[in-house]
Amino acid sequence: MTESIYPDEYLEFIRLFNDERFFEAHEVLEALWRRENGTPKPFYQGLIQIAAAFVHLQKGTPAGAPPLYQKAFSHLEPFLPSFSGLDLNVLLTAAHQAIFGHTSFPKIYTPRGQKL
């Protein structure tokens, strides 16, 4: 079995996010974000903020989602089009549609041919 090059919390975040367990996803990635001092720190912060935006939608407080999405976008924009195995263009577009267009919650996809 090959070990992942990605931290366990990051992989757990993706699993929880795709299961629409956004609060738990936020919490697990926050632990990694707090320890991080390098380049991925704002990347993790952006992902945490996207998850938090969807917590607002799930809790019935949709007004809280757009500001968090905007903050997330500002943190993730420098990492476009992809970073740490994630296709950020797809994620940000789907998150925008879910928050502003009231579509279903997005899933996190990896760039073509890349496995996490």
N, C-alpha and C. Protein backbone atom coordinates (compact mmCIF):
# COMPACT_ATOMS: atom_id res chain seq x y z
N MET A 1 0.85 -1.18 0.00
CA MET A 1 0.00 0.00 0.00
C MET A 1 0.89 1.24 0.00
N THR A 2 0.61 2.17 -0.89
CA THR A 2 1.39 3.39 -1.01
C THR A 2 0.88 4.43 -0.03
N GLU A 3 1.80 5.07 0.67
CA GLU A 3 1.40 6.14 1.57
C GLU A 3 1.09 7.40 0.78
N SER A 4 0.12 8.14 1.25
CA SER A 4 -0.26 9.37 0.59
C SER A 4 0.77 10.46 0.88
N ILE A 5 0.95 11.34 -0.09
CA ILE A 5 1.83 12.48 0.13
C ILE A 5 1.07 13.61 0.84
N TYR A 6 -0.22 13.43 1.06
CA TYR A 6 -1.06 14.44 1.67
C TYR A 6 -1.32 14.12 3.13
N PRO A 7 -1.43 15.15 3.97
CA PRO A 7 -1.73 14.91 5.39
C PRO A 7 -3.08 14.22 5.57
N ASP A 8 -3.16 13.40 6.59
CA ASP A 8 -4.40 12.66 6.87
C ASP A 8 -5.60 13.60 7.06
N GLU A 9 -5.39 14.72 7.75
CA GLU A 9 -6.49 15.67 7.98
C GLU A 9 -7.02 16.24 6.67
N TYR A 10 -6.14 16.47 5.74
CA TYR A 10 -6.53 17.00 4.43
C TYR A 10 -7.41 15.99 3.69
N LEU A 11 -6.98 14.74 3.69
CA LEU A 11 -7.76 13.69 3.03
C LEU A 11 -9.10 13.49 3.73
N GLU A 12 -9.10 13.58 5.05
CA GLU A 12 -10.35 13.45 5.81
C GLU A 12 -11.27 14.64 5.51
N PHE A 13 -10.71 15.83 5.37
CA PHE A 13 -11.50 17.00 5.00
C PHE A 13 -12.24 16.74 3.69
N ILE A 14 -11.53 16.25 2.69
CA ILE A 14 -12.14 15.99 1.38
C ILE A 14 -13.27 14.97 1.51
N ARG A 15 -13.02 13.90 2.25
CA ARG A 15 -14.05 12.87 2.44
C ARG A 15 -15.29 13.47 3.11
N LEU A 16 -15.08 14.20 4.19
CA LEU A 16 -16.20 14.79 4.92
C LEU A 16 -16.93 15.84 4.08
N PHE A 17 -16.18 16.65 3.36
CA PHE A 17 -16.77 17.66 2.48
C PHE A 17 -17.66 17.00 1.44
N ASN A 18 -17.17 15.96 0.80
CA ASN A 18 -17.95 15.26 -0.22
C ASN A 18 -19.15 14.52 0.34
N ASP A 19 -19.12 14.22 1.65
CA ASP A 19 -20.27 13.63 2.34
C ASP A 19 -21.22 14.71 2.87
N GLU A 20 -20.93 15.97 2.54
CA GLU A 20 -21.72 17.13 2.97
C GLU A 20 -21.75 17.26 4.49
N ARG A 21 -20.68 16.87 5.13
CA ARG A 21 -20.50 17.04 6.57
C ARG A 21 -19.53 18.22 6.74
N PHE A 22 -20.04 19.39 6.40
CA PHE A 22 -19.20 20.58 6.29
C PHE A 22 -18.64 21.06 7.63
N PHE A 23 -19.42 20.98 8.69
CA PHE A 23 -18.90 21.40 9.99
C PHE A 23 -17.73 20.52 10.40
N GLU A 24 -17.90 19.21 10.27
CA GLU A 24 -16.82 18.29 10.63
C GLU A 24 -15.60 18.48 9.72
N ALA A 25 -15.84 18.73 8.44
CA ALA A 25 -14.74 18.99 7.50
C ALA A 25 -13.96 20.22 7.94
N HIS A 26 -14.68 21.26 8.29
CA HIS A 26 -14.07 22.50 8.77
C HIS A 26 -13.20 22.22 9.98
N GLU A 27 -13.73 21.49 10.93
CA GLU A 27 -13.02 21.21 12.17
C GLU A 27 -11.73 20.41 11.95
N VAL A 28 -11.80 19.38 11.12
CA VAL A 28 -10.63 18.52 10.92
C VAL A 28 -9.52 19.28 10.18
N LEU A 29 -9.88 20.12 9.24
CA LEU A 29 -8.85 20.86 8.51
C LEU A 29 -8.30 22.01 9.34
N GLU A 30 -9.10 22.54 10.25
CA GLU A 30 -8.61 23.62 11.12
C GLU A 30 -7.44 23.14 11.97
N ALA A 31 -7.46 21.90 12.39
CA ALA A 31 -6.34 21.36 13.18
C ALA A 31 -5.05 21.41 12.36
N LEU A 32 -5.13 21.05 11.10
CA LEU A 32 -3.95 21.09 10.22
C LEU A 32 -3.54 22.53 9.95
N TRP A 33 -4.51 23.40 9.69
CA TRP A 33 -4.24 24.81 9.43
C TRP A 33 -3.49 25.47 10.59
N ARG A 34 -3.89 25.14 11.81
CA ARG A 34 -3.24 25.74 12.99
C ARG A 34 -1.77 25.34 13.09
N ARG A 35 -1.43 24.14 12.67
CA ARG A 35 -0.03 23.65 12.73
C ARG A 35 0.82 24.19 11.58
N GLU A 36 0.18 24.54 10.47
CA GLU A 36 0.90 24.90 9.25
C GLU A 36 1.51 26.30 9.36
N ASN A 37 2.75 26.42 8.87
CA ASN A 37 3.43 27.72 8.84
C ASN A 37 3.89 28.08 7.44
N GLY A 38 3.68 27.19 6.48
CA GLY A 38 4.22 27.41 5.15
C GLY A 38 3.18 27.82 4.13
N THR A 39 3.53 27.60 2.88
CA THR A 39 2.71 27.98 1.73
C THR A 39 1.27 27.49 1.81
N PRO A 40 1.00 26.26 2.28
CA PRO A 40 -0.39 25.78 2.26
C PRO A 40 -1.33 26.48 3.25
N LYS A 41 -0.81 27.27 4.18
CA LYS A 41 -1.69 27.85 5.21
C LYS A 41 -2.87 28.62 4.63
N PRO A 42 -2.69 29.58 3.71
CA PRO A 42 -3.86 30.27 3.16
C PRO A 42 -4.75 29.36 2.29
N PHE A 43 -4.15 28.35 1.69
CA PHE A 43 -4.92 27.36 0.93
C PHE A 43 -5.89 26.63 1.86
N TYR A 44 -5.37 26.15 2.97
CA TYR A 44 -6.22 25.47 3.95
C TYR A 44 -7.29 26.42 4.49
N GLN A 45 -6.91 27.67 4.74
CA GLN A 45 -7.87 28.64 5.25
C GLN A 45 -9.01 28.84 4.26
N GLY A 46 -8.70 28.92 2.98
CA GLY A 46 -9.74 29.06 1.97
C GLY A 46 -10.68 27.88 1.95
N LEU A 47 -10.15 26.68 2.06
CA LEU A 47 -11.00 25.48 2.08
C LEU A 47 -11.89 25.48 3.33
N ILE A 48 -11.32 25.87 4.45
CA ILE A 48 -12.10 25.95 5.69
C ILE A 48 -13.25 26.93 5.52
N GLN A 49 -12.98 28.06 4.89
CA GLN A 49 -14.02 29.07 4.70
C GLN A 49 -15.12 28.60 3.75
N ILE A 50 -14.76 27.85 2.73
CA ILE A 50 -15.79 27.30 1.84
C ILE A 50 -16.68 26.33 2.62
N ALA A 51 -16.07 25.47 3.41
CA ALA A 51 -16.86 24.55 4.22
C ALA A 51 -17.76 25.33 5.18
N ALA A 52 -17.25 26.38 5.78
CA ALA A 52 -18.04 27.18 6.72
C ALA A 52 -19.20 27.87 6.00
N ALA A 53 -18.99 28.28 4.76
CA ALA A 53 -20.08 28.88 3.99
C ALA A 53 -21.23 27.88 3.84
N PHE A 54 -20.89 26.62 3.59
CA PHE A 54 -21.93 25.61 3.42
C PHE A 54 -22.57 25.22 4.75
N VAL A 55 -21.86 25.40 5.85
CA VAL A 55 -22.48 25.22 7.16
C VAL A 55 -23.62 26.22 7.31
N HIS A 56 -23.39 27.46 6.89
CA HIS A 56 -24.44 28.47 6.95
C HIS A 56 -25.66 28.04 6.13
N LEU A 57 -25.43 27.51 4.94
CA LEU A 57 -26.57 27.07 4.12
C LEU A 57 -27.32 25.93 4.80
N GLN A 58 -26.58 24.99 5.37
CA GLN A 58 -27.21 23.86 6.04
C GLN A 58 -28.01 24.30 7.27
N LYS A 59 -27.53 25.33 7.96
CA LYS A 59 -28.19 25.79 9.18
C LYS A 59 -29.34 26.76 8.90
N GLY A 60 -29.55 27.09 7.63
CA GLY A 60 -30.63 27.99 7.30
C GLY A 60 -30.29 29.46 7.52
N THR A 61 -29.00 29.78 7.50
CA THR A 61 -28.56 31.17 7.61
C THR A 61 -27.75 31.54 6.36
N PRO A 62 -28.44 31.58 5.20
CA PRO A 62 -27.72 31.75 3.93
C PRO A 62 -27.00 33.09 3.79
N ALA A 63 -27.38 34.10 4.55
CA ALA A 63 -26.70 35.39 4.43
C ALA A 63 -25.23 35.31 4.86
N GLY A 64 -24.89 34.32 5.66
CA GLY A 64 -23.50 34.17 6.10
C GLY A 64 -22.60 33.52 5.06
N ALA A 65 -23.17 32.90 4.05
CA ALA A 65 -22.37 32.16 3.06
C ALA A 65 -21.62 33.06 2.08
N PRO A 66 -22.22 34.07 1.46
CA PRO A 66 -21.48 34.86 0.48
C PRO A 66 -20.21 35.54 1.00
N PRO A 67 -20.23 36.15 2.20
CA PRO A 67 -18.98 36.76 2.67
C PRO A 67 -17.86 35.73 2.88
N LEU A 68 -18.23 34.55 3.35
CA LEU A 68 -17.21 33.50 3.54
C LEU A 68 -16.68 33.01 2.20
N TYR A 69 -17.57 32.89 1.22
CA TYR A 69 -17.11 32.50 -0.11
C TYR A 69 -16.11 33.53 -0.65
N GLN A 70 -16.41 34.81 -0.50
CA GLN A 70 -15.51 35.85 -1.00
C GLN A 70 -14.15 35.78 -0.32
N LYS A 71 -14.13 35.55 0.99
CA LYS A 71 -12.86 35.39 1.72
C LYS A 71 -12.12 34.15 1.23
N ALA A 72 -12.87 33.07 1.04
CA ALA A 72 -12.25 31.83 0.56
C ALA A 72 -11.63 32.04 -0.81
N PHE A 73 -12.36 32.71 -1.69
CA PHE A 73 -11.85 32.97 -3.03
C PHE A 73 -10.54 33.75 -2.96
N SER A 74 -10.48 34.76 -2.10
CA SER A 74 -9.26 35.56 -2.02
C SER A 74 -8.07 34.74 -1.51
N HIS A 75 -8.34 33.76 -0.67
CA HIS A 75 -7.25 32.90 -0.19
C HIS A 75 -6.84 31.85 -1.23
N LEU A 76 -7.81 31.39 -2.01
CA LEU A 76 -7.53 30.31 -2.97
C LEU A 76 -7.07 30.82 -4.33
N GLU A 77 -7.41 32.03 -4.69
CA GLU A 77 -7.08 32.57 -6.01
C GLU A 77 -5.59 32.44 -6.37
N PRO A 78 -4.67 32.71 -5.44
CA PRO A 78 -3.25 32.56 -5.80
C PRO A 78 -2.84 31.13 -6.15
N PHE A 79 -3.66 30.16 -5.79
CA PHE A 79 -3.33 28.75 -6.02
C PHE A 79 -3.97 28.18 -7.30
N LEU A 80 -4.76 29.02 -8.00
CA LEU A 80 -5.40 28.57 -9.24
C LEU A 80 -4.36 28.22 -10.29
N PRO A 81 -4.60 27.24 -11.15
CA PRO A 81 -5.85 26.49 -11.32
C PRO A 81 -5.96 25.26 -10.43
N SER A 82 -4.84 24.78 -9.91
CA SER A 82 -4.91 23.61 -9.04
C SER A 82 -3.77 23.68 -8.03
N PHE A 83 -4.01 23.04 -6.91
CA PHE A 83 -2.99 22.99 -5.86
C PHE A 83 -3.29 21.80 -4.97
N SER A 84 -2.26 21.15 -4.54
CA SER A 84 -2.36 20.04 -3.60
C SER A 84 -3.39 19.00 -4.05
N GLY A 85 -3.40 18.76 -5.36
CA GLY A 85 -4.26 17.72 -5.91
C GLY A 85 -5.68 18.14 -6.20
N LEU A 86 -6.05 19.40 -5.94
CA LEU A 86 -7.43 19.83 -6.17
C LEU A 86 -7.54 20.72 -7.39
N ASP A 87 -8.60 20.50 -8.14
CA ASP A 87 -8.94 21.37 -9.26
C ASP A 87 -9.74 22.53 -8.68
N LEU A 88 -9.06 23.63 -8.40
CA LEU A 88 -9.69 24.75 -7.74
C LEU A 88 -10.67 25.50 -8.63
N ASN A 89 -10.43 25.52 -9.94
CA ASN A 89 -11.39 26.15 -10.84
C ASN A 89 -12.76 25.49 -10.72
N VAL A 90 -12.77 24.18 -10.72
CA VAL A 90 -14.03 23.43 -10.62
C VAL A 90 -14.68 23.68 -9.26
N LEU A 91 -13.89 23.60 -8.20
CA LEU A 91 -14.44 23.78 -6.86
C LEU A 91 -15.02 25.19 -6.67
N LEU A 92 -14.27 26.21 -7.05
CA LEU A 92 -14.75 27.58 -6.85
C LEU A 92 -15.97 27.89 -7.71
N THR A 93 -16.01 27.38 -8.93
CA THR A 93 -17.18 27.60 -9.78
C THR A 93 -18.41 26.91 -9.19
N ALA A 94 -18.25 25.67 -8.76
CA ALA A 94 -19.38 24.93 -8.19
C ALA A 94 -19.83 25.55 -6.87
N ALA A 95 -18.88 26.01 -6.06
CA ALA A 95 -19.23 26.65 -4.79
C ALA A 95 -19.99 27.95 -5.05
N HIS A 96 -19.54 28.72 -6.01
CA HIS A 96 -20.23 29.97 -6.37
C HIS A 96 -21.66 29.67 -6.81
N GLN A 97 -21.83 28.67 -7.65
CA GLN A 97 -23.17 28.32 -8.13
C GLN A 97 -24.07 27.85 -6.99
N ALA A 98 -23.50 27.10 -6.05
CA ALA A 98 -24.30 26.61 -4.92
C ALA A 98 -24.73 27.76 -4.02
N ILE A 99 -23.84 28.72 -3.81
CA ILE A 99 -24.14 29.81 -2.88
C ILE A 99 -25.01 30.88 -3.52
N PHE A 100 -24.68 31.26 -4.75
CA PHE A 100 -25.39 32.37 -5.39
C PHE A 100 -26.50 31.92 -6.33
N GLY A 101 -26.40 30.69 -6.83
CA GLY A 101 -27.41 30.18 -7.76
C GLY A 101 -28.30 29.14 -7.14
N HIS A 102 -28.04 28.82 -5.88
CA HIS A 102 -28.86 27.88 -5.13
C HIS A 102 -28.91 26.50 -5.78
N THR A 103 -27.75 26.06 -6.28
CA THR A 103 -27.66 24.70 -6.82
C THR A 103 -27.21 23.77 -5.69
N SER A 104 -27.02 22.51 -6.01
CA SER A 104 -26.62 21.54 -4.98
C SER A 104 -25.20 21.79 -4.51
N PHE A 105 -24.86 21.21 -3.37
CA PHE A 105 -23.52 21.35 -2.81
C PHE A 105 -22.50 20.73 -3.76
N PRO A 106 -21.34 21.35 -3.87
CA PRO A 106 -20.32 20.81 -4.78
C PRO A 106 -19.57 19.64 -4.15
N LYS A 107 -18.85 18.94 -5.00
CA LYS A 107 -17.92 17.90 -4.58
C LYS A 107 -16.52 18.38 -4.93
N ILE A 108 -15.56 17.84 -4.26
CA ILE A 108 -14.15 18.19 -4.54
C ILE A 108 -13.61 17.15 -5.52
N TYR A 109 -13.08 17.66 -6.62
CA TYR A 109 -12.50 16.80 -7.65
C TYR A 109 -11.01 17.09 -7.78
N THR A 110 -10.27 16.11 -8.21
CA THR A 110 -8.85 16.27 -8.43
C THR A 110 -8.61 16.54 -9.91
N PRO A 111 -7.48 17.17 -10.25
CA PRO A 111 -7.17 17.36 -11.67
C PRO A 111 -7.10 16.03 -12.39
N ARG A 112 -7.39 16.02 -13.64
CA ARG A 112 -7.43 14.81 -14.45
C ARG A 112 -6.18 13.96 -14.25
N GLY A 113 -6.39 12.71 -13.96
CA GLY A 113 -5.30 11.76 -13.85
C GLY A 113 -4.57 11.76 -12.53
N GLN A 114 -4.92 12.67 -11.62
CA GLN A 114 -4.23 12.74 -10.35
C GLN A 114 -5.07 12.06 -9.28
N LYS A 115 -4.43 11.31 -8.43
CA LYS A 115 -5.14 10.62 -7.36
C LYS A 115 -4.65 11.13 -6.01
N LEU A 116 -5.57 11.22 -5.08
CA LEU A 116 -5.20 11.62 -3.72
C LEU A 116 -4.99 10.40 -2.88
